[in-house]
């Protein structure tokens, strides 16, 4: 969710899904769209929403911490947020400036 939507886990508390795979967060007025819409399907984000987050969270944290301690992966929330911001800048289309008619001096 961090890589796709660029939000910290605490910000995602109580989010809701929209039909277009965007999410609604209580603190935001507008829905947040995924950086790459296909990532929602690739990572199966909708299917992996546990009903009891606490029961699924502890084993995940233990296995992630174990992998980080064994230096199998190097991962941090701040790094994921930074990577999302970089991808967002890279993949956001540049808005075209309106062409102003050339002023011809008489």
PDB file of N, CA and C in Angstrom:
ATOM      1  N   UNK A   1       0.821  -1.190   0.000  1.00  0.00           N
ATOM      2  CA  UNK A   1       0.000   0.000   0.000  1.00  0.00           C
ATOM      3  C   UNK A   1       0.867   1.256   0.000  1.00  0.00           C
ATOM      4  N   UNK A   2       2.022   1.169   0.665  1.00  0.00           N
ATOM      5  CA  UNK A   2       2.906   2.332   0.698  1.00  0.00           C
ATOM      6  C   UNK A   2       3.448   2.617  -0.695  1.00  0.00           C
ATOM      7  N   UNK A   3       3.906   1.588  -1.398  1.00  0.00           N
ATOM      8  CA  UNK A   3       4.481   1.769  -2.729  1.00  0.00           C
ATOM      9  C   UNK A   3       3.439   2.213  -3.739  1.00  0.00           C
ATOM     10  N   UNK A   4       2.213   1.754  -3.602  1.00  0.00           N
ATOM     11  CA  UNK A   4       1.174   2.056  -4.594  1.00  0.00           C
ATOM     12  C   UNK A   4       0.518   3.406  -4.332  1.00  0.00           C
ATOM     13  N   UNK A   5       0.226   3.716  -3.061  1.00  0.00           N
ATOM     14  CA  UNK A   5      -0.506   4.937  -2.736  1.00  0.00           C
ATOM     15  C   UNK A   5       0.343   6.005  -2.055  1.00  0.00           C
ATOM     16  N   UNK A   6       1.527   5.659  -1.565  1.00  0.00           N
ATOM     17  CA  UNK A   6       2.420   6.643  -0.966  1.00  0.00           C
ATOM     18  C   UNK A   6       1.961   7.173   0.372  1.00  0.00           C
ATOM     19  N   UNK A   7       1.251   6.373   1.134  1.00  0.00           N
ATOM     20  CA  UNK A   7       0.757   6.802   2.446  1.00  0.00           C
ATOM     21  C   UNK A   7       1.330   5.913   3.531  1.00  0.00           C
ATOM     22  N   UNK A   8       1.611   6.516   4.676  1.00  0.00           N
ATOM     23  CA  UNK A   8       2.127   5.779   5.825  1.00  0.00           C
ATOM     24  C   UNK A   8       1.038   4.847   6.358  1.00  0.00           C
ATOM     25  N   UNK A   9       1.421   3.744   6.999  1.00  0.00           N
ATOM     26  CA  UNK A   9       0.418   2.821   7.527  1.00  0.00           C
ATOM     27  C   UNK A   9      -0.583   3.474   8.474  1.00  0.00           C
ATOM     28  N   UNK A  10      -0.132   4.411   9.297  1.00  0.00           N
ATOM     29  CA  UNK A  10      -1.049   5.084  10.224  1.00  0.00           C
ATOM     30  C   UNK A  10      -2.108   5.896   9.471  1.00  0.00           C
ATOM     31  N   UNK A  11      -1.749   6.436   8.310  1.00  0.00           N
ATOM     32  CA  UNK A  11      -2.699   7.220   7.516  1.00  0.00           C
ATOM     33  C   UNK A  11      -3.765   6.345   6.859  1.00  0.00           C
ATOM     34  N   UNK A  12      -3.469   5.063   6.696  1.00  0.00           N
ATOM     35  CA  UNK A  12      -4.391   4.153   6.024  1.00  0.00           C
ATOM     36  C   UNK A  12      -5.435   3.561   6.960  1.00  0.00           C
ATOM     37  N   UNK A  13      -5.429   3.953   8.203  1.00  0.00           N
ATOM     38  CA  UNK A  13      -6.386   3.415   9.169  1.00  0.00           C
ATOM     39  C   UNK A  13      -7.808   3.784   8.748  1.00  0.00           C
ATOM     40  N   UNK A  14      -8.631   2.785   8.531  1.00  0.00           N
ATOM     41  CA  UNK A  14     -10.038   3.009   8.190  1.00  0.00           C
ATOM     42  C   UNK A  14     -10.281   3.482   6.773  1.00  0.00           C
ATOM     43  N   UNK A  15      -9.394   3.190   5.834  1.00  0.00           N
ATOM     44  CA  UNK A  15      -9.612   3.609   4.447  1.00  0.00           C
ATOM     45  C   UNK A  15     -10.699   2.750   3.806  1.00  0.00           C
ATOM     46  N   UNK A  16     -11.276   3.266   2.721  1.00  0.00           N
ATOM     47  CA  UNK A  16     -12.288   2.515   1.968  1.00  0.00           C
ATOM     48  C   UNK A  16     -11.911   2.516   0.495  1.00  0.00           C
ATOM     49  N   UNK A  17     -12.315   1.455  -0.198  1.00  0.00           N
ATOM     50  CA  UNK A  17     -12.020   1.309  -1.622  1.00  0.00           C
ATOM     51  C   UNK A  17     -13.109   1.967  -2.455  1.00  0.00           C
ATOM     52  N   UNK A  18     -12.731   2.518  -3.595  1.00  0.00           N
ATOM     53  CA  UNK A  18     -13.674   3.003  -4.597  1.00  0.00           C
ATOM     54  C   UNK A  18     -13.669   2.034  -5.769  1.00  0.00           C
ATOM     55  N   UNK A  19     -14.621   2.169  -6.672  1.00  0.00           N
ATOM     56  CA  UNK A  19     -14.724   1.261  -7.813  1.00  0.00           C
ATOM     57  C   UNK A  19     -13.524   1.355  -8.746  1.00  0.00           C
ATOM     58  N   UNK A  20     -12.884   2.519  -8.825  1.00  0.00           N
ATOM     59  CA  UNK A  20     -11.747   2.712  -9.731  1.00  0.00           C
ATOM     60  C   UNK A  20     -10.406   2.394  -9.062  1.00  0.00           C
ATOM     61  N   UNK A  21     -10.432   1.662  -7.948  1.00  0.00           N
ATOM     62  CA  UNK A  21      -9.257   1.258  -7.177  1.00  0.00           C
ATOM     63  C   UNK A  21      -8.565   2.410  -6.467  1.00  0.00           C
ATOM     64  N   UNK A  22      -9.202   3.561  -6.395  1.00  0.00           N
ATOM     65  CA  UNK A  22      -8.681   4.628  -5.554  1.00  0.00           C
ATOM     66  C   UNK A  22      -9.177   4.366  -4.133  1.00  0.00           C
ATOM     67  N   UNK A  23      -8.575   5.043  -3.171  1.00  0.00           N
ATOM     68  CA  UNK A  23      -8.979   4.846  -1.780  1.00  0.00           C
ATOM     69  C   UNK A  23      -9.407   6.176  -1.166  1.00  0.00           C
ATOM     70  N   UNK A  24     -10.306   6.099  -0.213  1.00  0.00           N
ATOM     71  CA  UNK A  24     -10.730   7.260   0.555  1.00  0.00           C
ATOM     72  C   UNK A  24     -10.126   7.155   1.942  1.00  0.00           C
ATOM     73  N   UNK A  25      -9.509   8.253   2.368  1.00  0.00           N
ATOM     74  CA  UNK A  25      -8.930   8.334   3.708  1.00  0.00           C
ATOM     75  C   UNK A  25      -9.665   9.444   4.434  1.00  0.00           C
ATOM     76  N   UNK A  26      -9.938   9.230   5.694  1.00  0.00           N
ATOM     77  CA  UNK A  26     -10.724  10.201   6.475  1.00  0.00           C
ATOM     78  C   UNK A  26     -10.116  11.603   6.454  1.00  0.00           C
ATOM     79  N   UNK A  27      -8.800  11.698   6.492  1.00  0.00           N
ATOM     80  CA  UNK A  27      -8.146  13.005   6.591  1.00  0.00           C
ATOM     81  C   UNK A  27      -8.024  13.728   5.245  1.00  0.00           C
ATOM     82  N   UNK A  28      -8.401  13.080   4.148  1.00  0.00           N
ATOM     83  CA  UNK A  28      -8.278  13.689   2.819  1.00  0.00           C
ATOM     84  C   UNK A  28      -9.658  13.945   2.228  1.00  0.00           C
ATOM     85  N   UNK A  29      -9.796  15.049   1.512  1.00  0.00           N
ATOM     86  CA  UNK A  29     -11.077  15.384   0.894  1.00  0.00           C
ATOM     87  C   UNK A  29     -11.300  14.613  -0.398  1.00  0.00           C
ATOM     88  N   UNK A  30     -10.213  14.387  -1.141  1.00  0.00           N
ATOM     89  CA  UNK A  30     -10.328  13.699  -2.426  1.00  0.00           C
ATOM     90  C   UNK A  30      -9.768  12.287  -2.329  1.00  0.00           C
ATOM     91  N   UNK A  31     -10.245  11.403  -3.231  1.00  0.00           N
ATOM     92  CA  UNK A  31      -9.695  10.042  -3.222  1.00  0.00           C
ATOM     93  C   UNK A  31      -8.240  10.039  -3.686  1.00  0.00           C
ATOM     94  N   UNK A  32      -7.492   9.052  -3.240  1.00  0.00           N
ATOM     95  CA  UNK A  32      -6.086   8.899  -3.617  1.00  0.00           C
ATOM     96  C   UNK A  32      -6.006   7.778  -4.635  1.00  0.00           C
ATOM     97  N   UNK A  33      -5.451   8.086  -5.800  1.00  0.00           N
ATOM     98  CA  UNK A  33      -5.353   7.123  -6.889  1.00  0.00           C
ATOM     99  C   UNK A  33      -3.998   6.415  -6.829  1.00  0.00           C
ATOM    100  N   UNK A  34      -3.953   5.162  -7.257  1.00  0.00           N
ATOM    101  CA  UNK A  34      -2.674   4.442  -7.258  1.00  0.00           C
ATOM    102  C   UNK A  34      -1.726   5.026  -8.294  1.00  0.00           C
ATOM    103  N   UNK A  35      -0.440   4.957  -8.003  1.00  0.00           N
ATOM    104  CA  UNK A  35       0.561   5.458  -8.933  1.00  0.00           C
ATOM    105  C   UNK A  35       0.488   4.693 -10.249  1.00  0.00           C
ATOM    106  N   UNK A  36       0.399   3.385 -10.158  1.00  0.00           N
ATOM    107  CA  UNK A  36       0.198   2.522 -11.321  1.00  0.00           C
ATOM    108  C   UNK A  36      -1.048   1.694 -11.043  1.00  0.00           C
ATOM    109  N   UNK A  37      -2.131   1.905 -11.774  1.00  0.00           N
ATOM    110  CA  UNK A  37      -3.376   1.177 -11.484  1.00  0.00           C
ATOM    111  C   UNK A  37      -3.228  -0.335 -11.522  1.00  0.00           C
ATOM    112  N   UNK A  38      -2.357  -0.857 -12.368  1.00  0.00           N
ATOM    113  CA  UNK A  38      -2.208  -2.315 -12.462  1.00  0.00           C
ATOM    114  C   UNK A  38      -1.564  -2.913 -11.221  1.00  0.00           C
ATOM    115  N   UNK A  39      -0.868  -2.121 -10.421  1.00  0.00           N
ATOM    116  CA  UNK A  39      -0.232  -2.644  -9.217  1.00  0.00           C
ATOM    117  C   UNK A  39      -1.260  -3.152  -8.213  1.00  0.00           C
ATOM    118  N   UNK A  40      -2.456  -2.573  -8.203  1.00  0.00           N
ATOM    119  CA  UNK A  40      -3.505  -3.041  -7.296  1.00  0.00           C
ATOM    120  C   UNK A  40      -3.811  -4.504  -7.588  1.00  0.00           C
ATOM    121  N   UNK A  41      -3.840  -4.869  -8.876  1.00  0.00           N
ATOM    122  CA  UNK A  41      -4.115  -6.253  -9.267  1.00  0.00           C
ATOM    123  C   UNK A  41      -2.884  -7.142  -9.092  1.00  0.00           C
ATOM    124  N   UNK A  42      -1.717  -6.631  -9.474  1.00  0.00           N
ATOM    125  CA  UNK A  42      -0.484  -7.430  -9.383  1.00  0.00           C
ATOM    126  C   UNK A  42      -0.193  -7.817  -7.937  1.00  0.00           C
ATOM    127  N   UNK A  43      -0.322  -6.864  -7.018  1.00  0.00           N
ATOM    128  CA  UNK A  43      -0.036  -7.128  -5.612  1.00  0.00           C
ATOM    129  C   UNK A  43      -1.250  -7.656  -4.860  1.00  0.00           C
ATOM    130  N   UNK A  44      -2.381  -7.803  -5.552  1.00  0.00           N
ATOM    131  CA  UNK A  44      -3.624  -8.315  -4.982  1.00  0.00           C
ATOM    132  C   UNK A  44      -3.989  -7.573  -3.695  1.00  0.00           C
ATOM    133  N   UNK A  45      -3.972  -6.253  -3.767  1.00  0.00           N
ATOM    134  CA  UNK A  45      -4.200  -5.452  -2.572  1.00  0.00           C
ATOM    135  C   UNK A  45      -5.617  -5.597  -2.023  1.00  0.00           C
ATOM    136  N   UNK A  46      -6.597  -5.712  -2.900  1.00  0.00           N
ATOM    137  CA  UNK A  46      -7.974  -5.845  -2.408  1.00  0.00           C
ATOM    138  C   UNK A  46      -8.214  -7.208  -1.768  1.00  0.00           C
ATOM    139  N   UNK A  47      -7.607  -8.246  -2.311  1.00  0.00           N
ATOM    140  CA  UNK A  47      -7.809  -9.594  -1.789  1.00  0.00           C
ATOM    141  C   UNK A  47      -7.078  -9.826  -0.475  1.00  0.00           C
ATOM    142  N   UNK A  48      -6.002  -9.097  -0.237  1.00  0.00           N
ATOM    143  CA  UNK A  48      -5.170  -9.332   0.950  1.00  0.00           C
ATOM    144  C   UNK A  48      -5.538  -8.418   2.109  1.00  0.00           C
ATOM    145  N   UNK A  49      -6.761  -7.955   2.152  1.00  0.00           N
ATOM    146  CA  UNK A  49      -7.203  -7.113   3.259  1.00  0.00           C
ATOM    147  C   UNK A  49      -7.706  -8.013   4.377  1.00  0.00           C
ATOM    148  N   UNK A  50      -6.912  -8.238   5.417  1.00  0.00           N
ATOM    149  CA  UNK A  50      -7.365  -9.120   6.493  1.00  0.00           C
ATOM    150  C   UNK A  50      -8.494  -8.493   7.291  1.00  0.00           C
ATOM    151  N   UNK A  51      -9.422  -9.331   7.713  1.00  0.00           N
ATOM    152  CA  UNK A  51     -10.520  -8.838   8.530  1.00  0.00           C
ATOM    153  C   UNK A  51     -10.030  -8.451   9.911  1.00  0.00           C
ATOM    154  N   UNK A  52      -9.117  -9.241  10.439  1.00  0.00           N
ATOM    155  CA  UNK A  52      -8.537  -8.931  11.744  1.00  0.00           C
ATOM    156  C   UNK A  52      -7.081  -8.561  11.514  1.00  0.00           C
ATOM    157  N   UNK A  53      -6.823  -7.279  11.359  1.00  0.00           N
ATOM    158  CA  UNK A  53      -5.477  -6.824  11.025  1.00  0.00           C
ATOM    159  C   UNK A  53      -4.455  -7.217  12.075  1.00  0.00           C
ATOM    160  N   UNK A  54      -4.820  -7.141  13.333  1.00  0.00           N
ATOM    161  CA  UNK A  54      -3.869  -7.434  14.404  1.00  0.00           C
ATOM    162  C   UNK A  54      -3.386  -8.878  14.342  1.00  0.00           C
ATOM    163  N   UNK A  55      -4.282  -9.820  14.031  1.00  0.00           N
ATOM    164  CA  UNK A  55      -3.899 -11.219  14.017  1.00  0.00           C
ATOM    165  C   UNK A  55      -2.941 -11.533  12.871  1.00  0.00           C
ATOM    166  N   UNK A  56      -3.048 -10.828  11.772  1.00  0.00           N
ATOM    167  CA  UNK A  56      -2.162 -11.063  10.632  1.00  0.00           C
ATOM    168  C   UNK A  56      -0.886 -10.226  10.726  1.00  0.00           C
ATOM    169  N   UNK A  57      -0.930  -9.154  11.470  1.00  0.00           N
ATOM    170  CA  UNK A  57       0.175  -8.208  11.514  1.00  0.00           C
ATOM    171  C   UNK A  57       1.384  -8.772  12.251  1.00  0.00           C
ATOM    172  N   UNK A  58       1.179  -9.405  13.411  1.00  0.00           N
ATOM    173  CA  UNK A  58       2.298  -9.872  14.236  1.00  0.00           C
ATOM    174  C   UNK A  58       3.198 -10.881  13.531  1.00  0.00           C
ATOM    175  N   UNK A  59       2.672 -11.935  12.890  1.00  0.00           N
ATOM    176  CA  UNK A  59       3.584 -12.857  12.184  1.00  0.00           C
ATOM    177  C   UNK A  59       4.336 -12.179  11.039  1.00  0.00           C
ATOM    178  N   UNK A  60       3.691 -11.237  10.380  1.00  0.00           N
ATOM    179  CA  UNK A  60       4.347 -10.513   9.290  1.00  0.00           C
ATOM    180  C   UNK A  60       5.495  -9.669   9.825  1.00  0.00           C
ATOM    181  N   UNK A  61       5.269  -8.970  10.920  1.00  0.00           N
ATOM    182  CA  UNK A  61       6.317  -8.137  11.518  1.00  0.00           C
ATOM    183  C   UNK A  61       7.483  -9.000  11.981  1.00  0.00           C
ATOM    184  N   UNK A  62       7.192 -10.149  12.579  1.00  0.00           N
ATOM    185  CA  UNK A  62       8.255 -11.043  13.052  1.00  0.00           C
ATOM    186  C   UNK A  62       9.094 -11.546  11.884  1.00  0.00           C
ATOM    187  N   UNK A  63       8.449 -11.982  10.804  1.00  0.00           N
ATOM    188  CA  UNK A  63       9.217 -12.498   9.663  1.00  0.00           C
ATOM    189  C   UNK A  63       9.983 -11.378   8.952  1.00  0.00           C
ATOM    190  N   UNK A  64       9.415 -10.187   8.885  1.00  0.00           N
ATOM    191  CA  UNK A  64      10.109  -9.059   8.266  1.00  0.00           C
ATOM    192  C   UNK A  64      11.318  -8.648   9.101  1.00  0.00           C
ATOM    193  N   UNK A  65      11.138  -8.568  10.401  1.00  0.00           N
ATOM    194  CA  UNK A  65      12.248  -8.214  11.288  1.00  0.00           C
ATOM    195  C   UNK A  65      13.361  -9.259  11.223  1.00  0.00           C
ATOM    196  N   UNK A  66      12.984 -10.528  11.177  1.00  0.00           N
ATOM    197  CA  UNK A  66      13.966 -11.612  11.076  1.00  0.00           C
ATOM    198  C   UNK A  66      14.776 -11.496   9.784  1.00  0.00           C
ATOM    199  N   UNK A  67      14.091 -11.213   8.668  1.00  0.00           N
ATOM    200  CA  UNK A  67      14.780 -11.069   7.384  1.00  0.00           C
ATOM    201  C   UNK A  67      15.700  -9.856   7.382  1.00  0.00           C
ATOM    202  N   UNK A  68      15.277  -8.764   8.021  1.00  0.00           N
ATOM    203  CA  UNK A  68      16.116  -7.569   8.082  1.00  0.00           C
ATOM    204  C   UNK A  68      17.333  -7.807   8.971  1.00  0.00           C
ATOM    205  N   UNK A  69      17.165  -8.556  10.078  1.00  0.00           N
ATOM    206  CA  UNK A  69      18.288  -8.856  10.968  1.00  0.00           C
ATOM    207  C   UNK A  69      19.317  -9.756  10.299  1.00  0.00           C
ATOM    208  N   UNK A  70      18.852 -10.660   9.464  1.00  0.00           N
ATOM    209  CA  UNK A  70      19.757 -11.550   8.737  1.00  0.00           C
ATOM    210  C   UNK A  70      20.317 -10.884   7.481  1.00  0.00           C
ATOM    211  N   UNK A  71      19.977  -9.614   7.277  1.00  0.00           N
ATOM    212  CA  UNK A  71      20.420  -8.809   6.139  1.00  0.00           C
ATOM    213  C   UNK A  71      20.036  -9.428   4.795  1.00  0.00           C
ATOM    214  N   UNK A  72      18.884 -10.113   4.786  1.00  0.00           N
ATOM    215  CA  UNK A  72      18.363 -10.635   3.531  1.00  0.00           C
ATOM    216  C   UNK A  72      17.699  -9.522   2.723  1.00  0.00           C
ATOM    217  N   UNK A  73      17.151  -8.544   3.437  1.00  0.00           N
ATOM    218  CA  UNK A  73      16.564  -7.379   2.781  1.00  0.00           C
ATOM    219  C   UNK A  73      16.940  -6.127   3.555  1.00  0.00           C
ATOM    220  N   UNK A  74      16.987  -5.023   2.853  1.00  0.00           N
ATOM    221  CA  UNK A  74      17.246  -3.730   3.462  1.00  0.00           C
ATOM    222  C   UNK A  74      16.043  -2.858   3.130  1.00  0.00           C
ATOM    223  N   UNK A  75      15.211  -2.611   4.119  1.00  0.00           N
ATOM    224  CA  UNK A  75      13.926  -1.972   3.874  1.00  0.00           C
ATOM    225  C   UNK A  75      13.578  -1.033   5.015  1.00  0.00           C
ATOM    226  N   UNK A  76      13.003   0.111   4.664  1.00  0.00           N
ATOM    227  CA  UNK A  76      12.488   1.020   5.684  1.00  0.00           C
ATOM    228  C   UNK A  76      11.269   1.737   5.119  1.00  0.00           C
ATOM    229  N   UNK A  77      10.392   2.157   6.000  1.00  0.00           N
ATOM    230  CA  UNK A  77       9.188   2.884   5.585  1.00  0.00           C
ATOM    231  C   UNK A  77       9.593   4.184   4.895  1.00  0.00           C
ATOM    232  N   UNK A  78      10.580   4.879   5.465  1.00  0.00           N
ATOM    233  CA  UNK A  78      11.028   6.143   4.867  1.00  0.00           C
ATOM    234  C   UNK A  78      11.562   5.922   3.459  1.00  0.00           C
ATOM    235  N   UNK A  79      12.274   4.812   3.260  1.00  0.00           N
ATOM    236  CA  UNK A  79      12.787   4.497   1.927  1.00  0.00           C
ATOM    237  C   UNK A  79      11.668   4.233   0.939  1.00  0.00           C
ATOM    238  N   UNK A  80      10.618   3.541   1.388  1.00  0.00           N
ATOM    239  CA  UNK A  80       9.474   3.282   0.513  1.00  0.00           C
ATOM    240  C   UNK A  80       8.744   4.573   0.146  1.00  0.00           C
ATOM    241  N   UNK A  81       8.566   5.460   1.120  1.00  0.00           N
ATOM    242  CA  UNK A  81       7.913   6.749   0.852  1.00  0.00           C
ATOM    243  C   UNK A  81       8.739   7.558  -0.137  1.00  0.00           C
ATOM    244  N   UNK A  82      10.049   7.609   0.053  1.00  0.00           N
ATOM    245  CA  UNK A  82      10.925   8.344  -0.859  1.00  0.00           C
ATOM    246  C   UNK A  82      10.858   7.755  -2.266  1.00  0.00           C
ATOM    247  N   UNK A  83      10.880   6.418  -2.370  1.00  0.00           N
ATOM    248  CA  UNK A  83      10.791   5.776  -3.682  1.00  0.00           C
ATOM    249  C   UNK A  83       9.469   6.103  -4.357  1.00  0.00           C
ATOM    250  N   UNK A  84       8.379   6.158  -3.593  1.00  0.00           N
ATOM    251  CA  UNK A  84       7.077   6.513  -4.164  1.00  0.00           C
ATOM    252  C   UNK A  84       7.090   7.940  -4.692  1.00  0.00           C
ATOM    253  N   UNK A  85       7.660   8.869  -3.933  1.00  0.00           N
ATOM    254  CA  UNK A  85       7.716  10.266  -4.372  1.00  0.00           C
ATOM    255  C   UNK A  85       8.526  10.402  -5.659  1.00  0.00           C
ATOM    256  N   UNK A  86       9.620   9.677  -5.759  1.00  0.00           N
ATOM    257  CA  UNK A  86      10.452   9.731  -6.964  1.00  0.00           C
ATOM    258  C   UNK A  86       9.682   9.175  -8.157  1.00  0.00           C
ATOM    259  N   UNK A  87       9.023   8.021  -7.965  1.00  0.00           N
ATOM    260  CA  UNK A  87       8.223   7.444  -9.063  1.00  0.00           C
ATOM    261  C   UNK A  87       7.087   8.359  -9.461  1.00  0.00           C
ATOM    262  N   UNK A  88       6.463   9.013  -8.482  1.00  0.00           N
ATOM    263  CA  UNK A  88       5.344   9.906  -8.784  1.00  0.00           C
ATOM    264  C   UNK A  88       5.812  11.078  -9.648  1.00  0.00           C
ATOM    265  N   UNK A  89       6.966  11.632  -9.320  1.00  0.00           N
ATOM    266  CA  UNK A  89       7.512  12.730 -10.125  1.00  0.00           C
ATOM    267  C   UNK A  89       7.853  12.238 -11.526  1.00  0.00           C
ATOM    268  N   UNK A  90       8.448  11.054 -11.610  1.00  0.00           N
ATOM    269  CA  UNK A  90       8.885  10.510 -12.894  1.00  0.00           C
ATOM    270  C   UNK A  90       7.704  10.170 -13.799  1.00  0.00           C
ATOM    271  N   UNK A  91       6.638   9.590 -13.238  1.00  0.00           N
ATOM    272  CA  UNK A  91       5.529   9.115 -14.057  1.00  0.00           C
ATOM    273  C   UNK A  91       4.390  10.114 -14.224  1.00  0.00           C
ATOM    274  N   UNK A  92       4.401  11.233 -13.522  1.00  0.00           N
ATOM    275  CA  UNK A  92       3.347  12.226 -13.680  1.00  0.00           C
ATOM    276  C   UNK A  92       3.560  12.963 -14.995  1.00  0.00           C
ATOM    277  N   UNK A  93       2.529  12.980 -15.856  1.00  0.00           N
ATOM    278  CA  UNK A  93       2.695  13.676 -17.133  1.00  0.00           C
ATOM    279  C   UNK A  93       2.843  15.178 -16.932  1.00  0.00           C
ATOM    280  N   UNK A  94       3.663  15.771 -17.762  1.00  0.00           N
ATOM    281  CA  UNK A  94       3.864  17.213 -17.719  1.00  0.00           C
ATOM    282  C   UNK A  94       2.693  17.864 -18.423  1.00  0.00           C
ATOM    283  N   UNK A  95       2.090  18.850 -17.754  1.00  0.00           N
ATOM    284  CA  UNK A  95       0.960  19.549 -18.360  1.00  0.00           C
ATOM    285  C   UNK A  95       1.484  20.466 -19.449  1.00  0.00           C
ATOM    286  N   UNK A  96       0.810  20.402 -20.578  1.00  0.00           N
ATOM    287  CA  UNK A  96       1.229  21.264 -21.680  1.00  0.00           C
ATOM    288  C   UNK A  96       0.783  22.697 -21.411  1.00  0.00           C
ATOM    289  N   UNK A  97       1.672  23.609 -21.681  1.00  0.00           N
ATOM    290  CA  UNK A  97       1.322  25.006 -21.522  1.00  0.00           C
ATOM    291  C   UNK A  97       0.523  25.434 -22.746  1.00  0.00           C
ATOM    292  N   UNK A  98      -0.462  26.271 -22.500  1.00  0.00           N
ATOM    293  CA  UNK A  98      -1.268  26.756 -23.619  1.00  0.00           C
ATOM    294  C   UNK A  98      -0.400  27.646 -24.504  1.00  0.00           C
ATOM    295  N   UNK A  99      -0.518  27.412 -25.787  1.00  0.00           N
ATOM    296  CA  UNK A  99       0.253  28.193 -26.743  1.00  0.00           C
ATOM    297  C   UNK A  99      -0.398  29.572 -26.883  1.00  0.00           C
ATOM    298  N   UNK A 100       0.349  30.582 -26.568  1.00  0.00           N
ATOM    299  CA  UNK A 100      -0.151  31.935 -26.726  1.00  0.00           C
ATOM    300  C   UNK A 100       0.131  32.408 -28.141  1.00  0.00           C
ATOM    301  N   UNK A 101      -0.835  33.076 -28.753  1.00  0.00           N
ATOM    302  CA  UNK A 101      -0.580  33.567 -30.113  1.00  0.00           C
ATOM    303  C   UNK A 101       0.568  34.569 -30.097  1.00  0.00           C
ATOM    304  N   UNK A 102       1.410  34.450 -31.090  1.00  0.00           N
ATOM    305  CA  UNK A 102       2.563  35.348 -31.189  1.00  0.00           C
ATOM    306  C   UNK A 102       2.075  36.768 -31.495  1.00  0.00           C
ATOM    307  N   UNK A 103       2.642  37.705 -30.767  1.00  0.00           N
ATOM    308  CA  UNK A 103       2.262  39.104 -31.009  1.00  0.00           C
ATOM    309  C   UNK A 103       3.100  39.620 -32.164  1.00  0.00           C
ATOM    310  N   UNK A 104       2.411  40.140 -33.137  1.00  0.00           N
ATOM    311  CA  UNK A 104       3.100  40.658 -34.304  1.00  0.00           C
ATOM    312  C   UNK A 104       3.115  42.176 -34.192  1.00  0.00           C
ATOM    313  N   UNK A 105       4.308  42.768 -34.254  1.00  0.00           N
ATOM    314  CA  UNK A 105       4.378  44.219 -34.163  1.00  0.00           C
ATOM    315  C   UNK A 105       4.117  44.813 -35.543  1.00  0.00           C
ATOM    316  N   UNK A 106       3.359  45.868 -35.566  1.00  0.00           N
ATOM    317  CA  UNK A 106       2.982  46.497 -36.832  1.00  0.00           C
ATOM    318  C   UNK A 106       3.881  47.616 -37.201  1.00  0.00           C
TER     319      UNK A 106
END
